[in-house]
Amino acid sequence: MSAISNLDERFMAAAERLARRGLGRVWPNPSVAALIVREESGGPVLVGRGVTSRPGMAHAEVNALNHAGEQARGATCYVTLEPCSHYGRTPPCALALVDAGIKRVVVGMLDPNPRVAGRGVEMLREAGVDVTVGVREAAVKVLYHGFTLRQRRQRPHVFLKLAVSQDGYIGRAGDGQIKISGPLSMRKVHGFRAEHDAILIGSGTALEDDPQLTCRLPGLADRSPVRVIVDRCARLPVDSQLVKSCVDVPVWLVCANDADPDRIRDLAAAGVHIIRVPASAAGIEPSVILSALATRGVTRLMVEGGARIASSFLAADLVDDLCVVTGNIVIGNDGIAALHGLDLADVLKDPKFGRVDAGRFGDDSFIYLRRRGA
């Protein structure tokens, strides 16, 4: 195995950036990027690049090889995730690299999928390919945290976004949730949406706000995530914006097994995908919701609901990333607390989270936390 060089670090960082472009687009598969690099007299030359296509189509390595053509022979392939070793809807990528004459493969991290889990690397080495594993591994593991969680713990990565006022509220009694974030914050939120497979809110937010939950950044309308509504009793109106647009952007409704069958029938007839799960009088447990979503292929979930749904995920210790945006407004009397039964200040100081970033989106401030060890 070759030693890791500064050049390896640089090309893997470039591959990571390329892989991020596919987040939210290729699930249940991970968004992988591959770069084909030839060593020329004047230095390394990038001759091919590829990212994972939509499910059932070519993987990143094959796309990069097709881009490189004959120049792939004798070259190095930088790939963010271990090449697959099994036959699925496509042949093994490890075999494709061998057949193309790739001399060396540099891997960000091993694939957590039990069907691969080191077998791709083994296949390459048995064919005489020089393989280096673990380049920028910590950063790559963050990229694939949701894919890993789904493979090992049957749940997606959970990103919780909260927007609060200067005095820590999300709305005002009688008015419900009110607009808190400025335009730059909203652009960032829509960018977050585009990077996730699904976005989740509770029935309270759905009924009070009648939101769209789509990505409305220019040129990214097709990047809107699946919209998931946790609605124990299936109360979502068939004339809501969510239901009326579910043909264009899917809506999944998670309800109790004993929800009103007539309501379920009407919503299903309108195009809503119904997910029935066990529930108690207190509601549907977050762990049950995540398991149901993982079963359907979701690897990255954004939670953008109100205080009750946010609190339930935090209380269940099922939040991996947390972004709190503080708007430049004061709500004052009759403010609605950001969380139920939890103090936001305590959550932000919880030692299980570490600060990843902080700064400003225009007039708003933000802090971004991540579960330590993720």
Protein backbone atom coordinates (compact mmCIF):
# COMPACT_ATOMS: atom_id res chain seq x y z
CA MET A 1 0.00 0.00 0.00
CA SER A 2 1.37 3.41 -0.98
CA ALA A 3 1.92 6.11 1.62
CA ILE A 4 -0.60 8.95 1.71
CA SER A 5 0.77 12.08 0.04
CA ASN A 6 -0.32 15.70 0.03
CA LEU A 7 -1.47 15.11 -3.53
CA ASP A 8 -3.74 12.30 -2.33
CA GLU A 9 -5.25 14.64 0.24
CA ARG A 10 -5.88 17.35 -2.37
CA PHE A 11 -7.55 15.06 -4.90
CA MET A 12 -9.68 13.38 -2.24
CA ALA A 13 -10.84 16.80 -1.02
CA ALA A 14 -11.83 17.61 -4.61
CA ALA A 15 -13.70 14.31 -4.84
CA GLU A 16 -15.58 15.11 -1.61
CA ARG A 17 -16.74 18.43 -3.04
CA LEU A 18 -17.94 16.68 -6.18
CA ALA A 19 -19.76 14.01 -4.16
CA ARG A 20 -21.68 16.64 -2.20
CA ARG A 21 -23.39 17.73 -5.42
CA GLY A 22 -25.30 14.46 -5.44
CA LEU A 23 -26.62 14.61 -1.88
CA GLY A 24 -30.39 14.24 -1.86
CA ARG A 25 -30.47 12.99 -5.46
CA VAL A 26 -29.29 9.39 -5.53
CA TRP A 27 -30.67 7.77 -2.36
CA PRO A 28 -30.87 5.04 -1.19
CA ASN A 29 -27.38 4.85 -2.71
CA PRO A 30 -24.63 7.08 -1.31
CA SER A 31 -23.43 9.97 -3.44
CA VAL A 32 -19.93 8.85 -4.46
CA ALA A 33 -17.39 10.75 -6.57
CA ALA A 34 -14.44 9.35 -8.51
CA LEU A 35 -11.53 11.15 -10.15
CA ILE A 36 -9.13 9.54 -12.66
CA VAL A 37 -5.66 11.10 -12.54
CA ARG A 38 -2.67 10.39 -14.79
CA GLU A 39 0.91 11.20 -13.84
CA GLU A 40 2.42 13.13 -16.75
CA SER A 41 5.87 14.69 -17.17
CA GLY A 42 4.46 18.06 -16.18
CA GLY A 43 2.63 16.69 -13.15
CA PRO A 44 -0.71 14.99 -12.41
CA VAL A 45 -3.52 15.52 -14.92
CA LEU A 46 -7.22 14.94 -14.23
CA VAL A 47 -8.54 12.90 -17.17
CA GLY A 48 -11.89 11.64 -15.85
CA ARG A 49 -14.50 12.39 -13.24
CA GLY A 50 -17.84 10.95 -12.30
CA VAL A 51 -20.52 10.88 -9.63
CA THR A 52 -23.16 8.33 -8.75
CA SER A 53 -26.08 8.32 -11.17
CA ARG A 54 -29.66 7.78 -10.10
CA PRO A 55 -30.48 4.30 -8.70
CA GLY A 56 -30.12 1.52 -11.25
CA MET A 57 -27.70 3.49 -13.41
CA ALA A 58 -23.90 3.72 -13.47
CA HIS A 59 -21.88 4.31 -10.32
CA ALA A 60 -19.26 7.03 -9.95
CA GLU A 61 -16.28 4.88 -10.94
CA VAL A 62 -17.88 3.75 -14.21
CA ASN A 63 -18.88 7.31 -15.09
CA ALA A 64 -15.31 8.47 -14.42
CA LEU A 65 -13.85 5.63 -16.49
CA ASN A 66 -16.17 6.43 -19.38
CA HIS A 67 -15.04 10.05 -19.18
CA ALA A 68 -11.35 9.08 -19.16
CA GLY A 69 -11.53 6.45 -21.90
CA GLU A 70 -8.16 4.89 -22.77
CA GLN A 71 -6.39 7.44 -20.59
CA ALA A 72 -7.56 5.47 -17.55
CA ARG A 73 -5.01 2.72 -18.25
CA GLY A 74 -2.13 3.08 -15.81
CA ALA A 75 -3.84 5.95 -13.96
CA THR A 76 -4.92 6.46 -10.35
CA CYS A 77 -8.57 6.52 -9.28
CA TYR A 78 -9.54 8.62 -6.28
CA VAL A 79 -12.92 7.50 -4.93
CA THR A 80 -14.68 8.72 -1.81
CA LEU A 81 -16.20 5.32 -0.91
CA GLU A 82 -14.85 1.82 -1.43
CA PRO A 83 -15.76 0.46 -4.88
CA CYS A 84 -18.53 -2.14 -4.73
CA SER A 85 -17.66 -5.81 -5.14
CA HIS A 86 -21.06 -7.39 -5.79
CA TYR A 87 -23.46 -7.72 -8.70
CA GLY A 88 -26.63 -5.70 -8.18
CA ARG A 89 -28.42 -3.62 -10.74
CA THR A 90 -24.91 -2.82 -12.04
CA PRO A 91 -21.71 -4.95 -12.17
CA PRO A 92 -19.00 -4.50 -9.50
CA CYS A 93 -17.11 -1.22 -9.78
CA ALA A 94 -13.95 -2.87 -8.44
CA LEU A 95 -14.00 -5.19 -11.46
CA ALA A 96 -14.57 -2.26 -13.82
CA LEU A 97 -11.47 -0.51 -12.43
CA VAL A 98 -9.38 -3.66 -12.90
CA ASP A 99 -10.61 -4.17 -16.48
CA ALA A 100 -9.84 -0.54 -17.32
CA GLY A 101 -6.22 -0.99 -16.27
CA ILE A 102 -6.26 1.35 -13.28
CA LYS A 103 -2.89 1.06 -11.52
CA ARG A 104 -3.75 2.56 -8.14
CA VAL A 105 -6.97 3.25 -6.21
CA VAL A 106 -7.17 5.75 -3.35
CA VAL A 107 -10.24 5.27 -1.12
CA GLY A 108 -11.74 7.70 1.39
CA MET A 109 -13.43 5.06 3.56
CA LEU A 110 -14.55 1.45 3.47
CA ASP A 111 -18.17 0.77 2.55
CA PRO A 112 -20.31 0.00 5.66
CA ASN A 113 -22.65 -2.11 3.50
CA PRO A 114 -22.16 -5.71 4.72
CA ARG A 115 -22.16 -6.89 1.08
CA VAL A 116 -18.97 -4.87 0.50
CA ALA A 117 -17.19 -4.01 3.79
CA GLY A 118 -13.63 -4.49 2.52
CA ARG A 119 -14.36 -6.96 -0.28
CA GLY A 120 -13.99 -4.29 -2.95
CA VAL A 121 -10.49 -3.45 -1.71
CA GLU A 122 -9.66 -7.16 -1.50
CA MET A 123 -10.81 -7.70 -5.10
CA LEU A 124 -8.59 -4.84 -6.30
CA ARG A 125 -5.52 -6.04 -4.41
CA GLU A 126 -5.94 -9.61 -5.63
CA ALA A 127 -5.85 -8.21 -9.18
CA GLY A 128 -2.55 -6.44 -8.45
CA VAL A 129 -3.94 -2.93 -7.98
CA ASP A 130 -2.18 -0.76 -5.40
CA VAL A 131 -4.86 0.39 -2.91
CA THR A 132 -4.62 3.12 -0.27
CA VAL A 133 -7.51 3.40 2.20
CA GLY A 134 -8.45 6.12 4.70
CA VAL A 135 -7.48 9.35 2.93
CA ARG A 136 -9.39 12.19 4.62
CA GLU A 137 -11.40 9.47 6.32
CA ALA A 138 -12.84 11.68 9.10
CA ALA A 139 -14.31 14.13 6.58
CA VAL A 140 -15.60 11.37 4.32
CA LYS A 141 -17.30 9.65 7.26
CA VAL A 142 -19.29 12.84 7.87
CA LEU A 143 -20.34 12.81 4.21
CA TYR A 144 -21.63 9.23 4.51
CA HIS A 145 -22.93 9.32 8.07
CA GLY A 146 -26.53 8.85 6.96
CA PHE A 147 -25.66 5.93 4.69
CA THR A 148 -23.69 4.32 7.52
CA LEU A 149 -26.50 4.83 10.05
CA ARG A 150 -29.01 3.26 7.69
CA GLN A 151 -26.77 0.23 7.16
CA ARG A 152 -25.90 -0.28 10.82
CA ARG A 153 -28.74 1.17 12.88
CA GLN A 154 -31.69 1.24 10.49
CA ARG A 155 -32.20 4.99 10.66
CA PRO A 156 -31.18 8.05 8.63
CA HIS A 157 -28.96 10.92 9.68
CA VAL A 158 -31.14 13.58 11.35
CA PHE A 159 -30.50 17.29 10.82
CA LEU A 160 -32.67 19.59 12.94
CA LYS A 161 -33.08 23.23 11.92
CA LEU A 162 -34.60 25.77 14.31
CA ALA A 163 -35.28 29.47 13.72
CA VAL A 164 -35.77 31.54 16.89
CA SER A 165 -36.21 35.20 17.74
CA GLN A 166 -33.72 37.27 19.71
CA ASP A 167 -35.66 36.39 22.86
CA GLY A 168 -35.77 32.66 22.02
CA TYR A 169 -39.27 32.20 20.62
CA ILE A 170 -40.53 30.61 17.39
CA GLY A 171 -43.93 32.28 17.27
CA ARG A 172 -46.63 34.18 19.12
CA ALA A 173 -49.73 32.80 20.83
CA GLY A 174 -52.71 33.31 18.56
CA ASP A 175 -50.54 33.78 15.47
CA GLY A 176 -48.63 30.50 15.53
CA GLN A 177 -45.19 30.41 13.96
CA ILE A 178 -44.19 33.73 12.41
CA LYS A 179 -41.51 34.74 9.96
CA ILE A 180 -38.24 35.08 11.85
CA SER A 181 -35.41 34.54 9.38
CA GLY A 182 -34.20 37.04 6.80
CA PRO A 183 -33.75 36.38 3.05
CA LEU A 184 -30.17 35.11 3.29
CA SER A 185 -31.15 32.64 6.00
CA MET A 186 -34.03 31.41 3.89
CA ARG A 187 -31.71 30.83 0.93
CA LYS A 188 -29.47 28.78 3.20
CA VAL A 189 -32.44 26.76 4.44
CA HIS A 190 -33.49 25.99 0.88
CA GLY A 191 -29.92 24.89 0.22
CA PHE A 192 -30.15 22.54 3.19
CA ARG A 193 -33.36 21.10 1.77
CA ALA A 194 -31.67 20.37 -1.55
CA GLU A 195 -29.02 18.24 0.22
CA HIS A 196 -31.50 15.98 2.00
CA ASP A 197 -33.54 12.99 0.88
CA ALA A 198 -36.56 13.99 2.95
CA ILE A 199 -37.86 16.85 5.09
CA LEU A 200 -40.16 16.25 8.06
CA ILE A 201 -42.70 18.32 9.95
CA GLY A 202 -45.49 17.50 12.38
CA SER A 203 -49.21 17.78 11.76
CA GLY A 204 -49.44 20.97 13.83
CA THR A 205 -47.10 22.86 11.49
CA ALA A 206 -48.81 21.33 8.45
CA LEU A 207 -52.27 22.42 9.61
CA GLU A 208 -51.34 25.87 10.90
CA ASP A 209 -48.88 27.01 8.21
CA ASP A 210 -49.98 25.04 5.12
CA PRO A 211 -46.35 25.01 3.91
CA GLN A 212 -44.88 23.87 0.60
CA LEU A 213 -41.54 22.53 1.96
CA THR A 214 -39.96 22.64 -1.50
CA CYS A 215 -36.57 23.91 -2.59
CA ARG A 216 -37.20 27.24 -4.29
CA LEU A 217 -33.67 28.29 -5.17
CA PRO A 218 -33.23 29.20 -8.86
CA GLY A 219 -32.30 26.13 -10.85
CA LEU A 220 -32.83 23.71 -7.94
CA ALA A 221 -36.58 23.11 -8.13
CA ASP A 222 -35.90 19.46 -9.02
CA ARG A 223 -33.88 19.06 -5.83
CA SER A 224 -36.89 19.27 -3.50
CA PRO A 225 -36.83 16.43 -0.94
CA VAL A 226 -39.67 14.04 -0.20
CA ARG A 227 -42.03 15.81 2.21
CA VAL A 228 -42.84 13.73 5.31
CA ILE A 229 -45.75 14.66 7.59
CA VAL A 230 -46.08 13.01 10.99
CA ASP A 231 -49.83 13.02 11.41
CA ARG A 232 -51.11 10.44 13.90
CA CYS A 233 -54.77 10.85 12.94
CA ALA A 234 -54.29 11.60 9.22
CA ARG A 235 -55.79 15.08 9.53
CA LEU A 236 -53.87 16.63 6.61
CA PRO A 237 -56.48 18.32 4.36
CA VAL A 238 -56.68 17.09 0.77
CA ASP A 239 -56.80 20.73 -0.36
CA SER A 240 -53.54 21.64 1.40
CA GLN A 241 -50.57 22.88 -0.63
CA LEU A 242 -48.72 19.69 0.24
CA VAL A 243 -51.37 17.36 -1.12
CA LYS A 244 -52.12 19.48 -4.18
CA SER A 245 -48.46 19.35 -5.19
CA CYS A 246 -47.72 15.71 -4.29
CA VAL A 247 -47.71 14.61 -7.93
CA ASP A 248 -44.71 16.86 -8.55
CA VAL A 249 -42.94 16.42 -5.19
CA PRO A 250 -43.84 13.28 -3.19
CA VAL A 251 -45.62 13.53 0.16
CA TRP A 252 -45.38 10.71 2.69
CA LEU A 253 -47.79 10.74 5.61
CA VAL A 254 -46.81 8.79 8.72
CA CYS A 255 -49.93 7.95 10.70
CA ALA A 256 -51.07 5.52 13.38
CA ASN A 257 -52.35 2.08 12.46
CA ASP A 258 -55.75 3.10 13.82
CA ALA A 259 -56.01 6.41 11.90
CA ASP A 260 -59.35 7.18 10.25
CA PRO A 261 -59.59 4.84 7.21
CA ASP A 262 -61.75 7.30 5.28
CA ARG A 263 -59.15 10.05 5.64
CA ILE A 264 -56.40 7.65 4.64
CA ARG A 265 -58.38 6.57 1.57
CA ASP A 266 -58.95 10.17 0.46
CA LEU A 267 -55.29 11.13 0.95
CA ALA A 268 -54.06 8.02 -0.86
CA ALA A 269 -56.46 8.72 -3.72
CA ALA A 270 -54.95 12.20 -4.01
CA GLY A 271 -51.46 10.70 -4.38
CA VAL A 272 -50.12 10.77 -0.82
CA HIS A 273 -48.00 7.78 0.19
CA ILE A 274 -49.38 6.43 3.47
CA ILE A 275 -47.08 4.89 6.07
CA ARG A 276 -48.95 3.22 8.94
CA VAL A 277 -46.96 2.62 12.13
CA PRO A 278 -47.65 1.67 15.76
CA ALA A 279 -48.53 4.62 18.01
CA SER A 280 -49.54 5.34 21.56
CA ALA A 281 -51.90 7.95 22.95
CA ALA A 282 -48.87 10.23 23.28
CA GLY A 283 -48.09 9.97 19.58
CA ILE A 284 -45.63 8.23 17.29
CA GLU A 285 -42.14 7.63 18.66
CA PRO A 286 -39.30 9.26 16.66
CA SER A 287 -37.43 5.94 16.53
CA VAL A 288 -40.45 4.33 14.85
CA ILE A 289 -40.59 7.16 12.30
CA LEU A 290 -36.89 6.87 11.48
CA SER A 291 -37.06 3.11 11.09
CA ALA A 292 -39.98 3.43 8.68
CA LEU A 293 -38.13 6.04 6.61
CA ALA A 294 -34.89 4.04 6.54
CA THR A 295 -36.81 0.99 5.31
CA ARG A 296 -37.89 3.13 2.37
CA GLY A 297 -34.34 4.21 1.58
CA VAL A 298 -34.02 7.58 3.31
CA THR A 299 -30.45 8.26 4.47
CA ARG A 300 -30.55 12.02 5.19
CA LEU A 301 -33.55 13.58 6.96
CA MET A 302 -34.07 17.28 7.67
CA VAL A 303 -36.47 18.05 10.53
CA GLU A 304 -38.04 21.48 10.17
CA GLY A 305 -41.13 21.16 12.30
CA GLY A 306 -42.41 23.10 15.28
CA ALA A 307 -41.51 22.92 18.96
CA ARG A 308 -43.21 19.61 19.65
CA ILE A 309 -41.59 17.59 16.86
CA ALA A 310 -38.17 19.18 17.48
CA SER A 311 -38.38 18.41 21.20
CA SER A 312 -39.39 14.81 20.58
CA PHE A 313 -36.31 14.12 18.44
CA LEU A 314 -33.99 15.88 20.88
CA ALA A 315 -35.49 14.09 23.88
CA ALA A 316 -35.10 10.75 22.09
CA ASP A 317 -31.41 11.57 21.47
CA LEU A 318 -31.89 11.17 17.71
CA VAL A 319 -30.49 14.47 16.44
CA ASP A 320 -27.10 14.27 14.71
CA ASP A 321 -26.71 17.84 13.40
CA LEU A 322 -28.40 20.95 14.78
CA CYS A 323 -28.53 24.42 13.23
CA VAL A 324 -30.13 27.24 15.21
CA VAL A 325 -30.74 30.49 13.34
CA THR A 326 -31.48 33.53 15.50
CA GLY A 327 -33.42 36.22 13.68
CA ASN A 328 -33.13 39.94 14.16
CA ILE A 329 -36.55 40.34 15.79
CA VAL A 330 -37.99 40.34 19.32
CA ILE A 331 -41.38 38.69 19.84
CA GLY A 332 -41.98 39.72 23.44
CA ASN A 333 -45.17 38.85 25.32
CA ASP A 334 -47.05 35.65 24.45
CA GLY A 335 -44.03 34.15 22.70
CA ILE A 336 -44.14 30.44 21.86
CA ALA A 337 -41.12 28.60 23.27
CA ALA A 338 -38.76 26.98 20.77
CA LEU A 339 -38.97 23.64 22.57
CA HIS A 340 -41.42 21.72 24.77
CA GLY A 341 -40.02 20.52 28.08
CA LEU A 342 -36.45 21.39 27.08
CA ASP A 343 -34.38 24.54 27.42
CA LEU A 344 -32.71 25.55 24.16
CA ALA A 345 -29.77 27.07 26.05
CA ASP A 346 -29.16 23.71 27.73
CA VAL A 347 -29.33 21.89 24.40
CA LEU A 348 -26.74 24.23 22.89
CA LYS A 349 -24.41 23.51 25.84
CA ASP A 350 -24.95 19.75 25.77
CA PRO A 351 -21.46 18.15 25.72
CA LYS A 352 -22.56 15.49 23.25
CA PHE A 353 -22.62 18.23 20.58
CA GLY A 354 -19.57 20.03 19.25
CA ARG A 355 -19.57 23.33 17.37
CA VAL A 356 -18.88 22.95 13.65
CA ASP A 357 -19.59 26.49 12.53
CA ALA A 358 -21.07 29.81 13.63
CA GLY A 359 -21.53 33.18 12.00
CA ARG A 360 -24.13 35.25 10.22
CA PHE A 361 -26.62 34.93 7.39
CA GLY A 362 -27.16 38.62 6.71
CA ASP A 363 -28.88 40.13 9.77
CA ASP A 364 -29.36 36.71 11.37
CA SER A 365 -26.83 34.75 13.41
CA PHE A 366 -26.45 30.99 13.42
CA ILE A 367 -24.69 28.18 15.23
CA TYR A 368 -24.17 24.71 13.72
CA LEU A 369 -23.57 21.77 16.06
CA ARG A 370 -22.75 18.12 15.35
CA ARG A 371 -22.90 15.06 17.57
CA ARG A 372 -19.39 14.26 18.75
CA GLY A 373 -17.95 11.13 17.24
CA ALA A 374 -20.32 11.23 14.27
